[in-house]
């Protein structure tokens, strides 16, 4: 019976014949027996293989080194050791591929995260990155599950676009080798699927996008990537309050799903990476997010007597240090900041009655800072057009966006979640380059 290691380690049925595949993590020999630990990527836990030299020749076992790939056929039995509840007594071992101990870089020792980033083609074989990418998978699955259960439709917005959305960052231009405009107009890789997502919501009611986005920012920090994934729901017939309710419920749902389905991986990450990880996850799930207007947040920061690197000024955009102070020291829980000055927010956000602030919302998390940004969208054609004129925008380029406000316009809202920032929070990692398989950053496009 062929079986994954994660499923075999869950069973309490012993003395059964099984077949497992995996990569060798460790191999130690005694006079008559070899003990081989293998892992197939399905779990953070290794499976012990007991190979008696009478059955499996010692000369052959010398080839079964750390990093080599094998298949083991044998009897799964109750272990006599205290490191595992079950192990396989090998009857036969098939060697798929060897790994020269002099060349294989993942020997049994501790490797720095920086070193592992340079061998991203192999780092998935380590316990830490196996755990991270299993958590990443389950978070992605939970996102689709959540929106499907809520009646949203998965909507694919273009990766190649002529729009720069909110002007959120420098663009990667799309061109051909002879530098001609293939599409007849200048095009770029998308920075957001929001504007096109709104079109979907204004016909389907509620949609969400989940795909790659790109920013050509020359930023070498632990929080930025040139290529990352965004989750962007858009909903018709709702306002900013409904939007905040949905965003909070969504975050709690996907984090709770990770807690329930990735227990072993999260315990491992808690014990090896961030000792407060599990406590932090439960704190987010179990506490209501505090909501406060931007003006109140500014006053709290001013009265904190804290010497921030960036001084507090009314009308400024909050930086990471300001966000983390509010979340980690003042409120000690996630917060939702609302009603930002219109000057620091995008053109499509709905103006409040004061004419100075917009119905925007940012959700701030501990360790992360901003994890979600969203707003109620301006649904009034004349007000949207006026705002675009104030900013000197090219309305001919966005004629299709304006036109949705002419034909059956409705109140609508949405938000954007940087998926890697969510994974960063749920895994307890500190560098965003460690939560995406192959990070794209300035001067780095390996693999």
Protein backbone atom coordinates (compact mmCIF):
# COMPACT_ATOMS: atom_id res chain seq x y z
CA UNK A 1 0.00 0.00 0.00
CA UNK A 2 1.52 3.32 -1.12
CA UNK A 3 0.94 6.02 1.49
CA UNK A 4 2.05 9.55 2.37
CA UNK A 5 4.08 9.96 5.55
CA UNK A 6 1.55 12.35 7.09
CA UNK A 7 -1.21 9.77 6.69
CA UNK A 8 0.95 6.91 7.94
CA UNK A 9 1.92 8.80 11.10
CA UNK A 10 -1.76 9.40 11.86
CA UNK A 11 -2.67 5.73 11.76
CA UNK A 12 -2.88 3.48 14.81
CA UNK A 13 -2.98 0.34 12.70
CA UNK A 14 0.29 -1.54 12.95
CA UNK A 15 1.91 -4.60 11.38
CA UNK A 16 0.79 -3.60 7.90
CA UNK A 17 2.79 -3.66 4.70
CA UNK A 18 3.31 -0.19 3.25
CA UNK A 19 5.34 1.63 0.63
CA UNK A 20 6.58 5.19 1.18
CA UNK A 21 8.69 7.63 -0.82
CA UNK A 22 10.84 10.46 0.44
CA UNK A 23 14.14 12.26 0.74
CA UNK A 24 16.67 11.18 3.33
CA UNK A 25 17.13 13.63 6.17
CA UNK A 26 19.55 11.61 8.29
CA UNK A 27 21.23 8.21 8.16
CA UNK A 28 23.09 6.63 11.05
CA UNK A 29 24.47 3.13 11.24
CA UNK A 30 25.20 0.69 14.01
CA UNK A 31 26.92 -2.64 13.56
CA UNK A 32 23.89 -4.50 12.24
CA UNK A 33 21.21 -1.86 11.63
CA UNK A 34 20.81 1.44 9.82
CA UNK A 35 18.34 4.08 11.01
CA UNK A 36 17.15 6.35 8.19
CA UNK A 37 14.87 9.36 8.66
CA UNK A 38 12.92 10.32 5.55
CA UNK A 39 10.47 13.08 4.71
CA UNK A 40 8.17 13.36 1.69
CA UNK A 41 7.10 17.00 2.17
CA UNK A 42 3.64 16.18 3.49
CA UNK A 43 4.47 16.92 7.14
CA UNK A 44 7.10 18.47 9.36
CA UNK A 45 7.66 15.08 11.00
CA UNK A 46 10.14 12.54 9.64
CA UNK A 47 9.49 8.81 9.40
CA UNK A 48 12.08 6.41 10.78
CA UNK A 49 13.17 3.51 8.63
CA UNK A 50 14.90 0.56 10.27
CA UNK A 51 17.11 -1.30 7.77
CA UNK A 52 18.63 -4.53 9.05
CA UNK A 53 21.89 -5.29 7.27
CA UNK A 54 20.90 -8.93 6.81
CA UNK A 55 18.05 -7.75 4.55
CA UNK A 56 19.48 -4.54 3.05
CA UNK A 57 23.17 -4.82 2.19
CA UNK A 58 25.49 -2.39 3.96
CA UNK A 59 27.33 -1.51 0.74
CA UNK A 60 24.05 -0.45 -0.84
CA UNK A 61 23.07 1.58 2.24
CA UNK A 62 26.28 3.60 1.91
CA UNK A 63 24.67 5.21 -1.14
CA UNK A 64 21.61 6.25 0.89
CA UNK A 65 23.01 9.57 2.06
CA UNK A 66 21.37 12.79 3.24
CA UNK A 67 19.43 14.30 0.35
CA UNK A 68 19.04 11.12 -1.66
CA UNK A 69 15.56 10.01 -2.76
CA UNK A 70 14.28 6.53 -1.94
CA UNK A 71 11.28 4.26 -1.86
CA UNK A 72 10.89 1.97 1.13
CA UNK A 73 8.74 -1.17 1.17
CA UNK A 74 8.25 -2.75 4.53
CA UNK A 75 6.22 -3.38 7.67
CA UNK A 76 4.86 -0.44 9.66
CA UNK A 77 5.21 -1.36 13.34
CA UNK A 78 4.87 0.19 16.77
CA UNK A 79 8.19 1.80 17.61
CA UNK A 80 10.17 0.76 20.66
CA UNK A 81 11.85 4.16 20.80
CA UNK A 82 10.38 7.29 22.33
CA UNK A 83 11.01 9.62 19.37
CA UNK A 84 8.17 8.27 17.23
CA UNK A 85 5.12 6.09 17.69
CA UNK A 86 5.64 4.07 14.53
CA UNK A 87 8.43 3.09 12.16
CA UNK A 88 8.99 0.91 9.11
CA UNK A 89 11.03 -2.27 9.17
CA UNK A 90 12.42 -2.20 5.64
CA UNK A 91 12.09 -5.23 3.40
CA UNK A 92 13.30 -3.43 0.29
CA UNK A 93 14.74 0.00 -0.57
CA UNK A 94 14.78 1.50 -4.05
CA UNK A 95 17.27 4.30 -4.62
CA UNK A 96 15.79 6.87 -7.04
CA UNK A 97 18.55 9.46 -6.90
CA UNK A 98 21.77 9.91 -4.96
CA UNK A 99 23.12 13.11 -3.38
CA UNK A 100 26.87 13.48 -3.10
CA UNK A 101 27.63 14.40 0.55
CA UNK A 102 30.47 16.64 -0.64
CA UNK A 103 28.14 18.70 -2.84
CA UNK A 104 24.67 18.53 -1.29
CA UNK A 105 24.26 21.83 0.61
CA UNK A 106 21.59 20.72 3.10
CA UNK A 107 23.58 18.53 5.44
CA UNK A 108 22.51 17.95 9.04
CA UNK A 109 23.35 21.34 10.50
CA UNK A 110 21.65 24.67 11.03
CA UNK A 111 21.51 26.90 7.96
CA UNK A 112 20.86 30.64 7.99
CA UNK A 113 17.77 31.98 6.23
CA UNK A 114 20.02 34.16 4.09
CA UNK A 115 21.94 31.08 2.93
CA UNK A 116 18.70 29.27 2.15
CA UNK A 117 17.43 32.19 0.05
CA UNK A 118 20.41 31.62 -2.24
CA UNK A 119 19.38 28.01 -2.79
CA UNK A 120 15.65 28.58 -3.14
CA UNK A 121 15.47 25.60 -5.51
CA UNK A 122 16.29 23.32 -2.54
CA UNK A 123 15.03 25.15 0.52
CA UNK A 124 11.56 23.56 0.31
CA UNK A 125 13.24 20.38 1.61
CA UNK A 126 14.02 21.95 4.98
CA UNK A 127 11.63 21.71 7.91
CA UNK A 128 11.16 25.46 8.18
CA UNK A 129 10.30 26.08 4.54
CA UNK A 130 8.24 22.93 4.28
CA UNK A 131 6.15 24.28 7.15
CA UNK A 132 5.91 27.78 5.63
CA UNK A 133 4.72 26.59 2.24
CA UNK A 134 2.23 24.11 3.66
CA UNK A 135 0.76 26.98 5.70
CA UNK A 136 0.78 29.17 2.58
CA UNK A 137 -1.18 26.50 0.68
CA UNK A 138 -3.78 26.16 3.41
CA UNK A 139 -4.25 29.93 3.65
CA UNK A 140 -4.78 30.12 -0.12
CA UNK A 141 -7.30 27.28 0.06
CA UNK A 142 -9.10 28.98 2.97
CA UNK A 143 -9.38 32.21 0.96
CA UNK A 144 -11.13 30.46 -1.92
CA UNK A 145 -13.27 28.48 0.54
CA UNK A 146 -14.35 31.59 2.44
CA UNK A 147 -15.44 33.57 -0.60
CA UNK A 148 -17.13 30.59 -2.21
CA UNK A 149 -19.16 30.00 0.96
CA UNK A 150 -20.12 33.69 1.01
CA UNK A 151 -21.43 33.58 -2.56
CA UNK A 152 -18.56 35.46 -4.23
CA UNK A 153 -17.41 34.62 -7.74
CA UNK A 154 -13.72 34.13 -8.51
CA UNK A 155 -12.98 36.75 -11.14
CA UNK A 156 -9.83 36.92 -13.26
CA UNK A 157 -8.57 40.44 -13.90
CA UNK A 158 -5.82 41.13 -16.46
CA UNK A 159 -2.13 40.87 -15.59
CA UNK A 160 -1.27 42.99 -18.63
CA UNK A 161 -3.13 46.30 -18.41
CA UNK A 162 -3.08 49.92 -19.56
CA UNK A 163 -4.22 51.14 -16.14
CA UNK A 164 -1.99 51.92 -13.17
CA UNK A 165 -4.95 51.64 -10.76
CA UNK A 166 -4.27 54.15 -7.98
CA UNK A 167 -0.73 54.99 -9.03
CA UNK A 168 0.42 52.77 -6.17
CA UNK A 169 3.92 52.21 -7.48
CA UNK A 170 6.27 52.32 -10.43
CA UNK A 171 5.25 50.06 -13.28
CA UNK A 172 6.90 47.25 -15.17
CA UNK A 173 6.35 48.10 -18.82
CA UNK A 174 5.36 45.32 -21.22
CA UNK A 175 7.00 45.52 -24.62
CA UNK A 176 8.51 43.34 -27.34
CA UNK A 177 12.15 42.91 -28.23
CA UNK A 178 12.00 45.64 -30.88
CA UNK A 179 10.46 48.00 -28.28
CA UNK A 180 7.21 48.37 -30.22
CA UNK A 181 3.79 48.64 -28.57
CA UNK A 182 2.41 45.16 -29.19
CA UNK A 183 -1.05 46.20 -27.99
CA UNK A 184 -1.08 49.51 -29.86
CA UNK A 185 -0.89 51.43 -26.58
CA UNK A 186 1.62 51.44 -23.71
CA UNK A 187 0.96 48.51 -21.38
CA UNK A 188 2.31 47.34 -18.05
CA UNK A 189 2.09 44.54 -15.52
CA UNK A 190 -0.78 45.14 -13.13
CA UNK A 191 -0.30 46.73 -9.72
CA UNK A 192 -3.87 45.88 -8.73
CA UNK A 193 -6.93 44.19 -10.17
CA UNK A 194 -9.29 46.51 -8.32
CA UNK A 195 -10.58 48.73 -11.10
CA UNK A 196 -11.42 45.77 -13.33
CA UNK A 197 -12.73 43.94 -10.26
CA UNK A 198 -15.24 46.73 -9.73
CA UNK A 199 -16.60 46.06 -13.21
CA UNK A 200 -17.18 42.44 -12.20
CA UNK A 201 -18.91 43.39 -8.97
CA UNK A 202 -21.20 45.82 -10.82
CA UNK A 203 -22.58 42.94 -12.83
CA UNK A 204 -22.12 39.85 -10.67
CA UNK A 205 -22.77 41.42 -7.28
CA UNK A 206 -19.73 40.11 -5.39
CA UNK A 207 -16.40 38.96 -6.83
CA UNK A 208 -12.86 38.43 -5.67
CA UNK A 209 -9.53 38.34 -7.44
CA UNK A 210 -6.51 36.37 -6.26
CA UNK A 211 -3.47 36.72 -8.44
CA UNK A 212 0.01 38.16 -8.93
CA UNK A 213 0.67 41.89 -8.93
CA UNK A 214 3.85 43.82 -9.63
CA UNK A 215 5.58 46.95 -8.34
CA UNK A 216 8.82 48.24 -9.87
CA UNK A 217 9.94 49.88 -6.64
CA UNK A 218 13.66 49.84 -5.90
CA UNK A 219 13.03 48.86 -2.29
CA UNK A 220 15.26 46.37 -0.51
CA UNK A 221 13.33 45.90 2.73
CA UNK A 222 11.94 42.94 4.61
CA UNK A 223 8.36 44.07 3.72
CA UNK A 224 8.56 44.59 -0.07
CA UNK A 225 8.58 42.40 -3.16
CA UNK A 226 8.51 43.29 -6.85
CA UNK A 227 6.11 40.39 -7.49
CA UNK A 228 3.51 39.42 -4.93
CA UNK A 229 -0.05 38.08 -4.69
CA UNK A 230 -3.13 40.12 -3.90
CA UNK A 231 -6.61 39.16 -2.74
CA UNK A 232 -9.14 41.80 -3.78
CA UNK A 233 -12.87 41.35 -3.15
CA UNK A 234 -15.36 43.86 -4.56
CA UNK A 235 -19.01 44.02 -3.60
CA UNK A 236 -22.04 45.91 -4.89
CA UNK A 237 -24.76 47.33 -2.64
CA UNK A 238 -22.59 47.72 0.48
CA UNK A 239 -20.99 50.63 2.32
CA UNK A 240 -17.75 51.14 4.26
CA UNK A 241 -19.17 49.59 7.44
CA UNK A 242 -20.17 46.41 5.62
CA UNK A 243 -16.69 46.40 4.08
CA UNK A 244 -14.99 46.55 7.48
CA UNK A 245 -17.23 43.80 8.84
CA UNK A 246 -16.36 41.54 5.92
CA UNK A 247 -12.62 42.22 6.13
CA UNK A 248 -12.47 41.43 9.85
CA UNK A 249 -14.55 38.28 9.45
CA UNK A 250 -12.42 37.19 6.48
CA UNK A 251 -9.11 37.57 8.32
CA UNK A 252 -10.38 35.69 11.36
CA UNK A 253 -11.75 32.89 9.19
CA UNK A 254 -8.54 32.21 7.26
CA UNK A 255 -6.33 32.46 10.35
CA UNK A 256 -8.64 30.14 12.28
CA UNK A 257 -8.51 27.72 9.35
CA UNK A 258 -4.70 27.73 9.52
CA UNK A 259 -4.75 27.12 13.28
CA UNK A 260 -7.06 24.14 12.82
CA UNK A 261 -5.39 22.54 9.79
CA UNK A 262 -1.68 23.37 10.25
CA UNK A 263 -1.27 22.53 13.93
CA UNK A 264 2.03 20.61 13.64
CA UNK A 265 3.60 23.18 11.33
CA UNK A 266 2.53 26.11 13.52
CA UNK A 267 3.82 24.40 16.67
CA UNK A 268 7.14 23.83 14.90
CA UNK A 269 7.32 27.48 13.77
CA UNK A 270 6.32 28.64 17.25
CA UNK A 271 9.15 26.58 18.77
CA UNK A 272 11.83 27.50 16.24
CA UNK A 273 11.01 30.91 14.77
CA UNK A 274 8.67 32.95 16.96
CA UNK A 275 7.79 31.80 20.46
CA UNK A 276 4.74 34.05 20.61
CA UNK A 277 3.27 32.95 17.28
CA UNK A 278 0.38 30.75 18.40
CA UNK A 279 -0.61 33.18 21.14
CA UNK A 280 -0.62 36.01 18.60
CA UNK A 281 -2.80 34.04 16.16
CA UNK A 282 -5.35 33.23 18.85
CA UNK A 283 -5.36 36.86 20.00
CA UNK A 284 -6.36 38.04 16.51
CA UNK A 285 -9.07 35.41 16.13
CA UNK A 286 -10.58 35.93 19.58
CA UNK A 287 -10.62 39.74 19.85
CA UNK A 288 -12.74 42.34 18.10
CA UNK A 289 -10.72 44.79 16.05
CA UNK A 290 -10.70 48.36 17.38
CA UNK A 291 -12.04 50.95 14.92
CA UNK A 292 -11.01 54.58 15.07
CA UNK A 293 -10.81 57.56 12.68
CA UNK A 294 -7.47 58.72 11.33
CA UNK A 295 -7.70 62.00 13.29
CA UNK A 296 -7.93 60.10 16.57
CA UNK A 297 -4.97 57.91 15.60
CA UNK A 298 -2.91 61.04 14.94
CA UNK A 299 -3.83 62.50 18.34
CA UNK A 300 -2.85 59.28 20.10
CA UNK A 301 0.52 59.32 18.35
CA UNK A 302 1.09 62.99 19.18
CA UNK A 303 0.31 62.44 22.86
CA UNK A 304 2.44 59.31 23.16
CA UNK A 305 5.64 61.28 23.90
CA UNK A 306 7.39 58.80 21.66
CA UNK A 307 10.30 59.98 19.53
CA UNK A 308 9.38 58.58 16.13
CA UNK A 309 11.84 58.64 13.26
CA UNK A 310 9.14 60.35 11.19
CA UNK A 311 7.51 63.17 13.22
CA UNK A 312 3.73 63.17 13.55
CA UNK A 313 1.96 65.76 11.41
CA UNK A 314 -1.77 66.01 10.71
CA UNK A 315 -2.42 64.90 7.14
CA UNK A 316 0.61 62.62 6.88
CA UNK A 317 0.47 59.01 5.77
CA UNK A 318 1.21 56.67 8.67
CA UNK A 319 4.48 54.78 8.48
CA UNK A 320 5.21 51.29 9.77
CA UNK A 321 6.57 52.57 13.09
CA UNK A 322 3.36 54.56 13.72
CA UNK A 323 1.13 51.63 12.78
CA UNK A 324 3.00 49.19 14.99
CA UNK A 325 2.94 51.54 17.98
CA UNK A 326 -0.83 51.82 17.74
CA UNK A 327 -1.33 48.07 17.36
CA UNK A 328 1.39 46.60 19.57
CA UNK A 329 1.72 49.15 22.37
CA UNK A 330 -1.39 51.28 22.59
CA UNK A 331 -4.34 49.04 21.71
CA UNK A 332 -2.56 45.65 21.87
CA UNK A 333 -4.85 44.25 19.18
CA UNK A 334 -5.56 44.74 15.47
CA UNK A 335 -7.13 48.08 14.59
CA UNK A 336 -9.02 49.54 11.66
CA UNK A 337 -8.18 53.18 10.88
CA UNK A 338 -10.86 55.02 8.90
CA UNK A 339 -11.67 58.41 7.37
CA UNK A 340 -8.27 59.39 5.99
CA UNK A 341 -7.58 62.81 4.44
CA UNK A 342 -8.44 62.66 0.76
CA UNK A 343 -4.99 64.00 -0.21
CA UNK A 344 -3.23 60.80 0.84
CA UNK A 345 -5.73 58.36 -0.63
CA UNK A 346 -6.69 57.23 -4.12
CA UNK A 347 -9.04 59.05 -6.50
CA UNK A 348 -11.78 56.41 -6.44
CA UNK A 349 -12.52 56.60 -2.71
CA UNK A 350 -15.87 58.07 -1.70
CA UNK A 351 -15.76 61.52 -0.13
CA UNK A 352 -17.29 61.99 3.30
CA UNK A 353 -19.77 64.80 3.82
CA UNK A 354 -17.01 67.05 5.19
CA UNK A 355 -15.42 67.07 1.73
CA UNK A 356 -12.01 66.60 3.34
CA UNK A 357 -11.86 62.91 4.24
CA UNK A 358 -12.70 59.70 2.41
CA UNK A 359 -14.41 56.47 3.41
CA UNK A 360 -11.17 54.51 3.52
CA UNK A 361 -10.08 51.84 5.94
CA UNK A 362 -6.72 50.24 6.72
CA UNK A 363 -6.42 47.17 8.94
CA UNK A 364 -3.22 47.16 10.99
CA UNK A 365 -1.74 43.99 12.48
CA UNK A 366 1.00 43.39 15.06
CA UNK A 367 4.46 42.83 13.56
CA UNK A 368 3.08 43.60 10.09
CA UNK A 369 1.51 47.03 10.12
CA UNK A 370 -0.96 47.49 7.27
CA UNK A 371 -2.29 44.14 6.08
CA UNK A 372 -5.50 45.31 4.35
CA UNK A 373 -6.39 48.56 2.63
CA UNK A 374 -9.85 49.29 1.31
CA UNK A 375 -12.63 51.79 0.87
CA UNK A 376 -16.14 52.50 -0.22
CA UNK A 377 -15.81 53.52 -3.88
CA UNK A 378 -17.14 56.80 -5.25
CA UNK A 379 -20.36 55.85 -7.03
CA UNK A 380 -21.42 59.33 -8.14
CA UNK A 381 -20.34 60.09 -11.71
CA UNK A 382 -19.96 63.86 -11.30
CA UNK A 383 -18.05 63.59 -8.00
CA UNK A 384 -15.70 60.95 -9.41
CA UNK A 385 -15.09 63.01 -12.53
CA UNK A 386 -14.41 66.11 -10.44
CA UNK A 387 -11.92 64.25 -8.28
CA UNK A 388 -10.09 62.94 -11.33
CA UNK A 389 -9.95 66.46 -12.76
CA UNK A 390 -8.50 67.78 -9.48
CA UNK A 391 -5.69 65.23 -9.76
CA UNK A 392 -5.07 65.93 -13.44
CA UNK A 393 -5.86 62.35 -14.44
CA UNK A 394 -6.33 61.15 -18.01
CA UNK A 395 -10.06 60.50 -18.13
CA UNK A 396 -9.92 59.23 -21.71
CA UNK A 397 -7.80 56.35 -20.50
CA UNK A 398 -10.35 55.45 -17.83
CA UNK A 399 -13.52 56.13 -19.85
CA UNK A 400 -14.76 52.61 -19.15
CA UNK A 401 -14.39 53.08 -15.40
CA UNK A 402 -16.29 56.37 -15.46
CA UNK A 403 -19.01 54.88 -17.62
CA UNK A 404 -20.00 52.36 -14.92
CA UNK A 405 -21.16 55.37 -12.86
CA UNK A 406 -23.45 56.49 -15.70
CA UNK A 407 -25.34 53.23 -16.14
CA UNK A 408 -27.02 51.84 -13.04
CA UNK A 409 -24.48 53.00 -10.47
CA UNK A 410 -24.74 51.56 -6.96
CA UNK A 411 -22.94 51.91 -3.63
CA UNK A 412 -20.02 49.47 -3.63
CA UNK A 413 -16.82 48.77 -1.74
CA UNK A 414 -13.84 46.46 -1.54
CA UNK A 415 -10.37 45.93 -0.15
CA UNK A 416 -6.99 44.49 -0.98
CA UNK A 417 -4.97 42.01 1.08
CA UNK A 418 -1.28 41.46 0.41
CA UNK A 419 -1.19 37.67 0.60
CA UNK A 420 2.49 37.45 1.52
CA UNK A 421 1.93 39.77 4.47
CA UNK A 422 -0.78 37.44 5.70
CA UNK A 423 1.56 34.45 5.33
CA UNK A 424 4.28 36.45 7.10
CA UNK A 425 1.98 37.01 10.08
CA UNK A 426 0.62 33.46 10.28
CA UNK A 427 4.07 31.83 10.06
CA UNK A 428 5.81 34.26 12.40
CA UNK A 429 8.56 34.96 9.89
CA UNK A 430 10.23 38.36 9.77
CA UNK A 431 11.26 38.66 6.11
CA UNK A 432 8.71 38.60 3.29
CA UNK A 433 11.25 36.92 0.99
CA UNK A 434 10.88 33.78 3.08
CA UNK A 435 7.14 33.30 2.53
CA UNK A 436 7.07 33.19 -1.27
CA UNK A 437 8.83 30.34 -3.09
CA UNK A 438 10.93 32.46 -5.44
CA UNK A 439 11.15 36.12 -4.33
CA UNK A 440 11.53 38.84 -6.94
CA UNK A 441 13.46 41.82 -5.59
CA UNK A 442 15.81 44.47 -7.00
CA UNK A 443 18.81 42.76 -8.71
CA UNK A 444 17.31 39.34 -8.01
CA UNK A 445 15.25 37.24 -10.40
CA UNK A 446 16.89 33.86 -9.89
CA UNK A 447 15.16 30.58 -10.57
